[in-house]
Amino acid sequence: MSKPFTLTKAFVPFYHGGMENTDSATAAPFEYDDPALWRLVPASVREIAKHIGRQGAIALCTAFRGENITIPSRENANPRGAAKFQRLADAIGEEAARQLCAEYGGTRLAVPTMSAAKSAARCRSIERFVAAKVAEGASQRDAINEAARVFEMTSRAIENNLVKVV
């Protein structure tokens, strides 16, 4: 039987940054420069990041998550390729799209959902939110209950996520 999670003041020092706007708390931004999160990114995304940068690779996965896409061979190869290129450019920028086409043109790419990395980012956002509320003087229970409302989860799910913080 697992032990219930208890938030202590030990979590407060790990709070880095503001959560002034609670709407942004649920977004769980991916900190692509964070080595702890980056190690959870699939190898295929890390490989793509070598060519278009981490931010571009994350943008690609965000825009095309779970899809199988064919990378056009160049910007205006044909009308269908031009449409694919434009969709890529809209997601990651024209220069990154050109670099992706130069490296992977004509290949089919299964874009990962990056669920492990997104889950870890969400856990961090929850931890920061709860820590900020405790630092403001809220009780641990009140902070967890408020996090449950903001993140649209149960308080038990919030507690479970706090245990998994990377």
N, C-alpha and C. Protein backbone atom coordinates (compact mmCIF):
# COMPACT_ATOMS: atom_id res chain seq x y z
N MET A 1 0.85 -1.18 0.00
CA MET A 1 0.00 0.00 0.00
C MET A 1 0.89 1.24 0.00
N SER A 2 0.61 2.17 -0.91
CA SER A 2 1.46 3.35 -1.01
C SER A 2 1.11 4.36 0.07
N LYS A 3 2.13 5.08 0.46
CA LYS A 3 1.97 6.10 1.48
C LYS A 3 1.37 7.35 0.85
N PRO A 4 0.39 8.01 1.49
CA PRO A 4 -0.18 9.22 0.90
C PRO A 4 0.86 10.34 0.84
N PHE A 5 0.75 11.15 -0.19
CA PHE A 5 1.69 12.25 -0.37
C PHE A 5 1.43 13.36 0.64
N THR A 6 2.51 13.90 1.18
CA THR A 6 2.40 15.04 2.08
C THR A 6 3.34 16.12 1.58
N LEU A 7 2.79 17.27 1.25
CA LEU A 7 3.61 18.39 0.82
C LEU A 7 4.23 19.04 2.04
N THR A 8 5.51 19.23 1.99
CA THR A 8 6.19 19.87 3.11
C THR A 8 6.88 21.13 2.62
N LYS A 9 7.43 21.89 3.54
CA LYS A 9 8.15 23.10 3.16
C LYS A 9 9.38 22.76 2.30
N ALA A 10 9.81 21.51 2.29
CA ALA A 10 10.95 21.12 1.47
C ALA A 10 10.68 21.36 -0.01
N PHE A 11 9.40 21.34 -0.43
CA PHE A 11 9.08 21.58 -1.83
C PHE A 11 9.19 23.05 -2.21
N VAL A 12 9.01 23.94 -1.29
CA VAL A 12 8.97 25.37 -1.59
C VAL A 12 10.24 25.88 -2.26
N PRO A 13 11.46 25.48 -1.84
CA PRO A 13 12.64 26.00 -2.51
C PRO A 13 12.73 25.62 -3.99
N PHE A 14 12.00 24.61 -4.44
CA PHE A 14 12.06 24.20 -5.83
C PHE A 14 11.18 25.05 -6.72
N TYR A 15 10.46 25.98 -6.15
CA TYR A 15 9.61 26.86 -6.92
C TYR A 15 10.48 27.94 -7.56
N HIS A 16 10.54 27.93 -8.88
CA HIS A 16 11.34 28.92 -9.62
C HIS A 16 10.44 29.63 -10.61
N GLY A 17 10.12 30.85 -10.37
CA GLY A 17 9.32 31.59 -11.33
C GLY A 17 7.92 31.84 -10.83
N GLY A 18 7.24 32.71 -11.52
CA GLY A 18 5.93 33.14 -11.06
C GLY A 18 4.79 32.40 -11.71
N MET A 19 3.76 32.24 -10.97
CA MET A 19 2.52 31.68 -11.48
C MET A 19 1.43 32.73 -11.26
N GLU A 20 1.74 33.96 -11.62
CA GLU A 20 0.82 35.05 -11.35
C GLU A 20 -0.53 34.82 -12.02
N ASN A 21 -0.51 34.27 -13.21
CA ASN A 21 -1.72 34.05 -13.97
C ASN A 21 -2.07 32.57 -13.91
N THR A 22 -3.11 32.21 -13.21
CA THR A 22 -3.44 30.79 -13.05
C THR A 22 -3.86 30.15 -14.36
N ASP A 23 -4.30 30.94 -15.36
CA ASP A 23 -4.63 30.35 -16.65
C ASP A 23 -3.41 29.71 -17.29
N SER A 24 -2.24 30.30 -17.10
CA SER A 24 -1.03 29.74 -17.69
C SER A 24 -0.55 28.52 -16.91
N ALA A 25 -1.07 28.31 -15.72
CA ALA A 25 -0.64 27.19 -14.91
C ALA A 25 -1.00 25.86 -15.55
N THR A 26 -2.12 25.80 -16.25
CA THR A 26 -2.54 24.54 -16.83
C THR A 26 -1.85 24.24 -18.14
N ALA A 27 -1.17 25.20 -18.72
CA ALA A 27 -0.54 25.01 -20.02
C ALA A 27 0.65 24.06 -19.96
N ALA A 28 1.32 23.94 -18.83
CA ALA A 28 2.49 23.08 -18.67
C ALA A 28 3.48 23.29 -19.79
N PRO A 29 4.09 24.49 -19.85
CA PRO A 29 5.04 24.75 -20.93
C PRO A 29 6.21 23.78 -20.88
N PHE A 30 6.65 23.35 -22.04
CA PHE A 30 7.76 22.42 -22.09
C PHE A 30 9.06 23.21 -22.05
N GLU A 31 9.86 22.94 -21.06
CA GLU A 31 11.15 23.64 -20.90
C GLU A 31 12.20 22.84 -21.65
N TYR A 32 12.35 23.16 -22.95
CA TYR A 32 13.19 22.34 -23.82
C TYR A 32 14.67 22.44 -23.49
N ASP A 33 15.07 23.43 -22.71
CA ASP A 33 16.47 23.53 -22.31
C ASP A 33 16.77 22.78 -21.02
N ASP A 34 15.78 22.20 -20.41
CA ASP A 34 15.95 21.48 -19.15
C ASP A 34 16.40 20.05 -19.43
N PRO A 35 17.61 19.68 -18.98
CA PRO A 35 18.11 18.32 -19.26
C PRO A 35 17.23 17.21 -18.68
N ALA A 36 16.61 17.44 -17.53
CA ALA A 36 15.77 16.41 -16.92
C ALA A 36 14.55 16.11 -17.78
N LEU A 37 13.97 17.13 -18.39
CA LEU A 37 12.83 16.91 -19.29
C LEU A 37 13.30 16.43 -20.66
N TRP A 38 14.41 16.97 -21.15
CA TRP A 38 14.89 16.63 -22.48
C TRP A 38 15.24 15.14 -22.59
N ARG A 39 15.69 14.53 -21.50
CA ARG A 39 16.02 13.10 -21.56
C ARG A 39 14.77 12.24 -21.74
N LEU A 40 13.59 12.79 -21.49
CA LEU A 40 12.33 12.06 -21.68
C LEU A 40 11.79 12.17 -23.11
N VAL A 41 12.41 13.02 -23.91
CA VAL A 41 11.99 13.22 -25.30
C VAL A 41 12.47 12.03 -26.13
N PRO A 42 11.63 11.50 -27.03
CA PRO A 42 12.05 10.38 -27.86
C PRO A 42 13.32 10.68 -28.67
N ALA A 43 14.09 9.64 -28.94
CA ALA A 43 15.35 9.78 -29.67
C ALA A 43 15.14 10.41 -31.04
N SER A 44 14.03 10.09 -31.70
CA SER A 44 13.78 10.67 -33.03
C SER A 44 13.64 12.19 -32.96
N VAL A 45 13.04 12.69 -31.89
CA VAL A 45 12.88 14.14 -31.73
C VAL A 45 14.23 14.77 -31.41
N ARG A 46 15.03 14.11 -30.59
CA ARG A 46 16.37 14.64 -30.29
C ARG A 46 17.22 14.70 -31.55
N GLU A 47 17.06 13.71 -32.44
CA GLU A 47 17.80 13.70 -33.70
C GLU A 47 17.36 14.87 -34.59
N ILE A 48 16.06 15.08 -34.70
CA ILE A 48 15.54 16.20 -35.49
C ILE A 48 16.02 17.52 -34.92
N ALA A 49 16.10 17.60 -33.60
CA ALA A 49 16.54 18.84 -32.94
C ALA A 49 17.98 19.21 -33.32
N LYS A 50 18.78 18.23 -33.70
CA LYS A 50 20.15 18.51 -34.14
C LYS A 50 20.14 19.36 -35.41
N HIS A 51 19.06 19.27 -36.19
CA HIS A 51 18.98 19.98 -37.46
C HIS A 51 18.16 21.26 -37.38
N ILE A 52 17.11 21.26 -36.57
CA ILE A 52 16.24 22.45 -36.53
C ILE A 52 16.16 23.07 -35.14
N GLY A 53 16.93 22.56 -34.20
CA GLY A 53 16.93 23.10 -32.84
C GLY A 53 15.84 22.47 -31.98
N ARG A 54 16.04 22.56 -30.68
CA ARG A 54 15.08 21.97 -29.75
C ARG A 54 13.71 22.62 -29.84
N GLN A 55 13.71 23.93 -29.91
CA GLN A 55 12.43 24.64 -29.97
C GLN A 55 11.66 24.26 -31.22
N GLY A 56 12.34 24.13 -32.34
CA GLY A 56 11.69 23.72 -33.58
C GLY A 56 11.16 22.30 -33.51
N ALA A 57 11.95 21.41 -32.91
CA ALA A 57 11.53 20.01 -32.78
C ALA A 57 10.29 19.90 -31.89
N ILE A 58 10.25 20.66 -30.81
CA ILE A 58 9.08 20.65 -29.92
C ILE A 58 7.88 21.23 -30.65
N ALA A 59 8.08 22.31 -31.41
CA ALA A 59 6.98 22.91 -32.18
C ALA A 59 6.44 21.92 -33.21
N LEU A 60 7.34 21.16 -33.85
CA LEU A 60 6.92 20.15 -34.81
C LEU A 60 6.04 19.10 -34.14
N CYS A 61 6.47 18.63 -32.98
CA CYS A 61 5.69 17.61 -32.26
C CYS A 61 4.37 18.16 -31.75
N THR A 62 4.34 19.41 -31.39
CA THR A 62 3.10 20.03 -30.92
C THR A 62 2.10 20.16 -32.06
N ALA A 63 2.59 20.56 -33.22
CA ALA A 63 1.70 20.78 -34.36
C ALA A 63 1.24 19.48 -35.02
N PHE A 64 2.09 18.45 -35.02
CA PHE A 64 1.79 17.22 -35.77
C PHE A 64 1.73 15.98 -34.89
N ARG A 65 1.56 16.14 -33.57
CA ARG A 65 1.64 15.00 -32.65
C ARG A 65 0.75 13.84 -33.07
N GLY A 66 1.38 12.67 -33.10
CA GLY A 66 0.67 11.46 -33.42
C GLY A 66 0.42 11.22 -34.90
N GLU A 67 0.80 12.15 -35.76
CA GLU A 67 0.56 12.01 -37.20
C GLU A 67 1.75 11.35 -37.88
N ASN A 68 1.48 10.72 -39.02
CA ASN A 68 2.52 10.27 -39.93
C ASN A 68 2.55 11.28 -41.05
N ILE A 69 3.66 11.97 -41.20
CA ILE A 69 3.76 13.00 -42.24
C ILE A 69 4.91 12.67 -43.18
N THR A 70 4.75 13.07 -44.43
CA THR A 70 5.82 12.94 -45.40
C THR A 70 6.45 14.32 -45.53
N ILE A 71 7.75 14.36 -45.31
CA ILE A 71 8.47 15.63 -45.41
C ILE A 71 8.70 15.92 -46.90
N PRO A 72 8.27 17.08 -47.38
CA PRO A 72 8.48 17.38 -48.81
C PRO A 72 9.97 17.50 -49.11
N SER A 73 10.33 17.19 -50.36
CA SER A 73 11.75 17.23 -50.72
C SER A 73 12.28 18.66 -50.81
N ARG A 74 11.40 19.59 -51.15
CA ARG A 74 11.80 21.00 -51.17
C ARG A 74 10.55 21.87 -51.11
N GLU A 75 10.79 23.15 -51.03
CA GLU A 75 9.70 24.11 -50.78
C GLU A 75 8.59 24.07 -51.81
N ASN A 76 8.93 24.05 -53.09
CA ASN A 76 7.91 24.09 -54.14
C ASN A 76 8.08 22.93 -55.12
N ALA A 77 8.23 21.73 -54.61
CA ALA A 77 8.44 20.58 -55.48
C ALA A 77 7.24 20.36 -56.41
N ASN A 78 6.06 20.47 -55.87
CA ASN A 78 4.80 20.36 -56.63
C ASN A 78 3.72 20.97 -55.75
N PRO A 79 2.50 21.13 -56.26
CA PRO A 79 1.46 21.78 -55.44
C PRO A 79 1.21 21.09 -54.11
N ARG A 80 1.20 19.77 -54.12
CA ARG A 80 0.96 19.04 -52.87
C ARG A 80 2.14 19.22 -51.91
N GLY A 81 3.35 19.15 -52.44
CA GLY A 81 4.55 19.37 -51.62
C GLY A 81 4.61 20.79 -51.08
N ALA A 82 4.17 21.76 -51.90
CA ALA A 82 4.15 23.15 -51.45
C ALA A 82 3.18 23.33 -50.29
N ALA A 83 2.04 22.64 -50.35
CA ALA A 83 1.06 22.73 -49.26
C ALA A 83 1.63 22.10 -47.99
N LYS A 84 2.33 20.96 -48.14
CA LYS A 84 2.96 20.32 -46.98
C LYS A 84 4.04 21.22 -46.40
N PHE A 85 4.83 21.83 -47.28
CA PHE A 85 5.87 22.73 -46.81
C PHE A 85 5.27 23.90 -46.05
N GLN A 86 4.19 24.47 -46.57
CA GLN A 86 3.56 25.61 -45.92
C GLN A 86 3.05 25.24 -44.53
N ARG A 87 2.49 24.05 -44.41
CA ARG A 87 2.02 23.58 -43.09
C ARG A 87 3.20 23.44 -42.12
N LEU A 88 4.31 22.90 -42.62
CA LEU A 88 5.52 22.81 -41.79
C LEU A 88 6.01 24.19 -41.41
N ALA A 89 6.09 25.08 -42.38
CA ALA A 89 6.58 26.44 -42.13
C ALA A 89 5.71 27.18 -41.13
N ASP A 90 4.40 26.97 -41.20
CA ASP A 90 3.50 27.60 -40.24
C ASP A 90 3.78 27.11 -38.83
N ALA A 91 4.17 25.85 -38.72
CA ALA A 91 4.40 25.25 -37.40
C ALA A 91 5.77 25.57 -36.83
N ILE A 92 6.81 25.52 -37.66
CA ILE A 92 8.18 25.62 -37.13
C ILE A 92 8.99 26.78 -37.71
N GLY A 93 8.42 27.51 -38.65
CA GLY A 93 9.13 28.61 -39.28
C GLY A 93 9.73 28.16 -40.61
N GLU A 94 9.88 29.12 -41.53
CA GLU A 94 10.35 28.78 -42.88
C GLU A 94 11.77 28.23 -42.90
N GLU A 95 12.67 28.85 -42.17
CA GLU A 95 14.06 28.39 -42.19
C GLU A 95 14.18 26.98 -41.63
N ALA A 96 13.51 26.71 -40.52
CA ALA A 96 13.55 25.37 -39.94
C ALA A 96 12.89 24.36 -40.88
N ALA A 97 11.83 24.76 -41.56
CA ALA A 97 11.17 23.88 -42.52
C ALA A 97 12.11 23.54 -43.68
N ARG A 98 12.86 24.53 -44.15
CA ARG A 98 13.84 24.28 -45.22
C ARG A 98 14.91 23.31 -44.75
N GLN A 99 15.39 23.52 -43.54
CA GLN A 99 16.42 22.62 -43.00
C GLN A 99 15.88 21.19 -42.84
N LEU A 100 14.64 21.07 -42.38
CA LEU A 100 14.02 19.76 -42.23
C LEU A 100 13.87 19.08 -43.59
N CYS A 101 13.46 19.83 -44.60
CA CYS A 101 13.32 19.28 -45.95
C CYS A 101 14.67 18.86 -46.52
N ALA A 102 15.70 19.65 -46.28
CA ALA A 102 17.04 19.32 -46.78
C ALA A 102 17.55 18.02 -46.16
N GLU A 103 17.26 17.82 -44.91
CA GLU A 103 17.77 16.64 -44.20
C GLU A 103 16.87 15.41 -44.37
N TYR A 104 15.55 15.61 -44.34
CA TYR A 104 14.62 14.48 -44.32
C TYR A 104 13.66 14.46 -45.50
N GLY A 105 13.89 15.28 -46.52
CA GLY A 105 12.98 15.37 -47.66
C GLY A 105 12.66 14.02 -48.27
N GLY A 106 11.38 13.76 -48.50
CA GLY A 106 10.93 12.52 -49.10
C GLY A 106 10.71 11.38 -48.12
N THR A 107 11.06 11.59 -46.87
CA THR A 107 10.89 10.51 -45.89
C THR A 107 9.59 10.69 -45.13
N ARG A 108 9.08 9.57 -44.65
CA ARG A 108 7.86 9.57 -43.85
C ARG A 108 8.28 9.63 -42.38
N LEU A 109 7.67 10.51 -41.65
CA LEU A 109 8.02 10.72 -40.25
C LEU A 109 6.81 10.48 -39.37
N ALA A 110 6.96 9.56 -38.41
CA ALA A 110 5.92 9.34 -37.40
C ALA A 110 6.23 10.29 -36.25
N VAL A 111 5.42 11.31 -36.10
CA VAL A 111 5.67 12.33 -35.09
C VAL A 111 5.16 11.84 -33.74
N PRO A 112 6.08 11.73 -32.76
CA PRO A 112 5.67 11.23 -31.45
C PRO A 112 4.80 12.22 -30.69
N THR A 113 4.03 11.70 -29.75
CA THR A 113 3.19 12.55 -28.92
C THR A 113 3.96 13.13 -27.74
N MET A 114 5.10 12.57 -27.42
CA MET A 114 5.96 13.01 -26.31
C MET A 114 5.20 12.98 -24.98
N SER A 115 4.42 11.95 -24.77
CA SER A 115 3.57 11.88 -23.58
C SER A 115 4.37 11.88 -22.28
N ALA A 116 5.52 11.21 -22.24
CA ALA A 116 6.30 11.17 -21.00
C ALA A 116 6.83 12.56 -20.65
N ALA A 117 7.35 13.27 -21.64
CA ALA A 117 7.87 14.61 -21.40
C ALA A 117 6.75 15.58 -21.04
N LYS A 118 5.61 15.47 -21.71
CA LYS A 118 4.48 16.36 -21.39
C LYS A 118 3.94 16.08 -19.99
N SER A 119 3.91 14.81 -19.62
CA SER A 119 3.44 14.46 -18.29
C SER A 119 4.37 15.03 -17.23
N ALA A 120 5.68 14.93 -17.46
CA ALA A 120 6.65 15.48 -16.51
C ALA A 120 6.52 17.00 -16.42
N ALA A 121 6.30 17.65 -17.55
CA ALA A 121 6.12 19.11 -17.55
C ALA A 121 4.86 19.49 -16.77
N ARG A 122 3.79 18.71 -16.95
CA ARG A 122 2.56 18.98 -16.20
C ARG A 122 2.78 18.78 -14.71
N CYS A 123 3.50 17.73 -14.34
CA CYS A 123 3.80 17.49 -12.92
C CYS A 123 4.56 18.68 -12.33
N ARG A 124 5.50 19.20 -13.09
CA ARG A 124 6.25 20.37 -12.61
C ARG A 124 5.34 21.58 -12.44
N SER A 125 4.45 21.79 -13.40
CA SER A 125 3.54 22.93 -13.30
C SER A 125 2.65 22.80 -12.07
N ILE A 126 2.17 21.60 -11.81
CA ILE A 126 1.34 21.36 -10.63
C ILE A 126 2.14 21.62 -9.36
N GLU A 127 3.37 21.11 -9.33
CA GLU A 127 4.22 21.30 -8.15
C GLU A 127 4.48 22.78 -7.90
N ARG A 128 4.78 23.51 -8.95
CA ARG A 128 5.04 24.95 -8.81
C ARG A 128 3.80 25.69 -8.35
N PHE A 129 2.65 25.32 -8.89
CA PHE A 129 1.41 25.96 -8.50
C PHE A 129 1.13 25.73 -7.01
N VAL A 130 1.22 24.47 -6.57
CA VAL A 130 0.95 24.13 -5.18
C VAL A 130 1.98 24.80 -4.26
N ALA A 131 3.25 24.76 -4.65
CA ALA A 131 4.29 25.38 -3.83
C ALA A 131 4.06 26.88 -3.69
N ALA A 132 3.63 27.52 -4.78
CA ALA A 132 3.37 28.96 -4.73
C ALA A 132 2.22 29.27 -3.78
N LYS A 133 1.17 28.46 -3.83
CA LYS A 133 0.02 28.68 -2.94
C LYS A 133 0.42 28.46 -1.48
N VAL A 134 1.23 27.45 -1.20
CA VAL A 134 1.70 27.21 0.17
C VAL A 134 2.59 28.37 0.61
N ALA A 135 3.44 28.86 -0.28
CA ALA A 135 4.31 29.99 0.05
C ALA A 135 3.49 31.26 0.35
N GLU A 136 2.32 31.37 -0.28
CA GLU A 136 1.43 32.51 -0.05
C GLU A 136 0.64 32.36 1.25
N GLY A 137 0.74 31.19 1.89
CA GLY A 137 0.08 30.99 3.17
C GLY A 137 -1.09 30.03 3.16
N ALA A 138 -1.40 29.46 2.02
CA ALA A 138 -2.50 28.49 1.97
C ALA A 138 -2.07 27.19 2.64
N SER A 139 -3.03 26.47 3.17
CA SER A 139 -2.71 25.15 3.73
C SER A 139 -2.40 24.21 2.58
N GLN A 140 -1.74 23.12 2.89
CA GLN A 140 -1.43 22.13 1.86
C GLN A 140 -2.70 21.60 1.21
N ARG A 141 -3.70 21.29 2.02
CA ARG A 141 -4.95 20.75 1.49
C ARG A 141 -5.64 21.78 0.61
N ASP A 142 -5.70 23.04 1.04
CA ASP A 142 -6.34 24.07 0.22
C ASP A 142 -5.59 24.27 -1.10
N ALA A 143 -4.26 24.24 -1.05
CA ALA A 143 -3.46 24.40 -2.26
C ALA A 143 -3.71 23.24 -3.24
N ILE A 144 -3.79 22.03 -2.72
CA ILE A 144 -4.05 20.86 -3.57
C ILE A 144 -5.46 20.93 -4.14
N ASN A 145 -6.43 21.33 -3.34
CA ASN A 145 -7.81 21.46 -3.83
C ASN A 145 -7.92 22.53 -4.91
N GLU A 146 -7.23 23.65 -4.72
CA GLU A 146 -7.26 24.69 -5.74
C GLU A 146 -6.58 24.21 -7.02
N ALA A 147 -5.48 23.49 -6.87
CA ALA A 147 -4.80 22.93 -8.05
C ALA A 147 -5.73 21.96 -8.79
N ALA A 148 -6.50 21.19 -8.04
CA ALA A 148 -7.45 20.26 -8.66
C ALA A 148 -8.46 21.02 -9.51
N ARG A 149 -8.93 22.16 -9.03
CA ARG A 149 -9.88 22.96 -9.80
C ARG A 149 -9.20 23.57 -11.04
N VAL A 150 -8.02 24.14 -10.85
CA VAL A 150 -7.33 24.82 -11.94
C VAL A 150 -6.91 23.84 -13.04
N PHE A 151 -6.38 22.69 -12.64
CA PHE A 151 -5.89 21.72 -13.61
C PHE A 151 -6.98 20.73 -14.06
N GLU A 152 -8.19 20.90 -13.53
CA GLU A 152 -9.32 20.05 -13.87
C GLU A 152 -9.01 18.58 -13.64
N MET A 153 -8.52 18.31 -12.42
CA MET A 153 -8.18 16.95 -12.00
C MET A 153 -8.75 16.74 -10.60
N THR A 154 -8.73 15.51 -10.12
CA THR A 154 -9.13 15.27 -8.74
C THR A 154 -7.96 15.63 -7.82
N SER A 155 -8.27 15.87 -6.56
CA SER A 155 -7.20 16.19 -5.62
C SER A 155 -6.27 14.99 -5.46
N ARG A 156 -6.78 13.79 -5.55
CA ARG A 156 -5.94 12.59 -5.47
C ARG A 156 -4.98 12.52 -6.66
N ALA A 157 -5.46 12.88 -7.84
CA ALA A 157 -4.60 12.90 -9.02
C ALA A 157 -3.51 13.97 -8.86
N ILE A 158 -3.86 15.09 -8.27
CA ILE A 158 -2.85 16.14 -7.99
C ILE A 158 -1.79 15.58 -7.06
N GLU A 159 -2.21 14.92 -6.00
CA GLU A 159 -1.25 14.33 -5.05
C GLU A 159 -0.35 13.32 -5.77
N ASN A 160 -0.93 12.49 -6.60
CA ASN A 160 -0.13 11.50 -7.35
C ASN A 160 0.86 12.18 -8.28
N ASN A 161 0.45 13.27 -8.92
CA ASN A 161 1.36 14.00 -9.79
C ASN A 161 2.48 14.66 -9.01
N LEU A 162 2.20 15.12 -7.81
CA LEU A 162 3.24 15.74 -7.00
C LEU A 162 4.34 14.73 -6.62
N VAL A 163 3.98 13.50 -6.49
CA VAL A 163 4.95 12.45 -6.18
C VAL A 163 5.89 12.22 -7.37
N LYS A 164 5.40 12.45 -8.60
CA LYS A 164 6.15 12.15 -9.82
C LYS A 164 6.97 13.31 -10.34
N VAL A 165 7.12 14.40 -9.62
CA VAL A 165 7.84 15.56 -10.13
C VAL A 165 9.26 15.18 -10.49
N VAL A 166 9.66 15.59 -11.70
CA VAL A 166 11.02 15.31 -12.20
C VAL A 166 12.00 16.25 -11.56
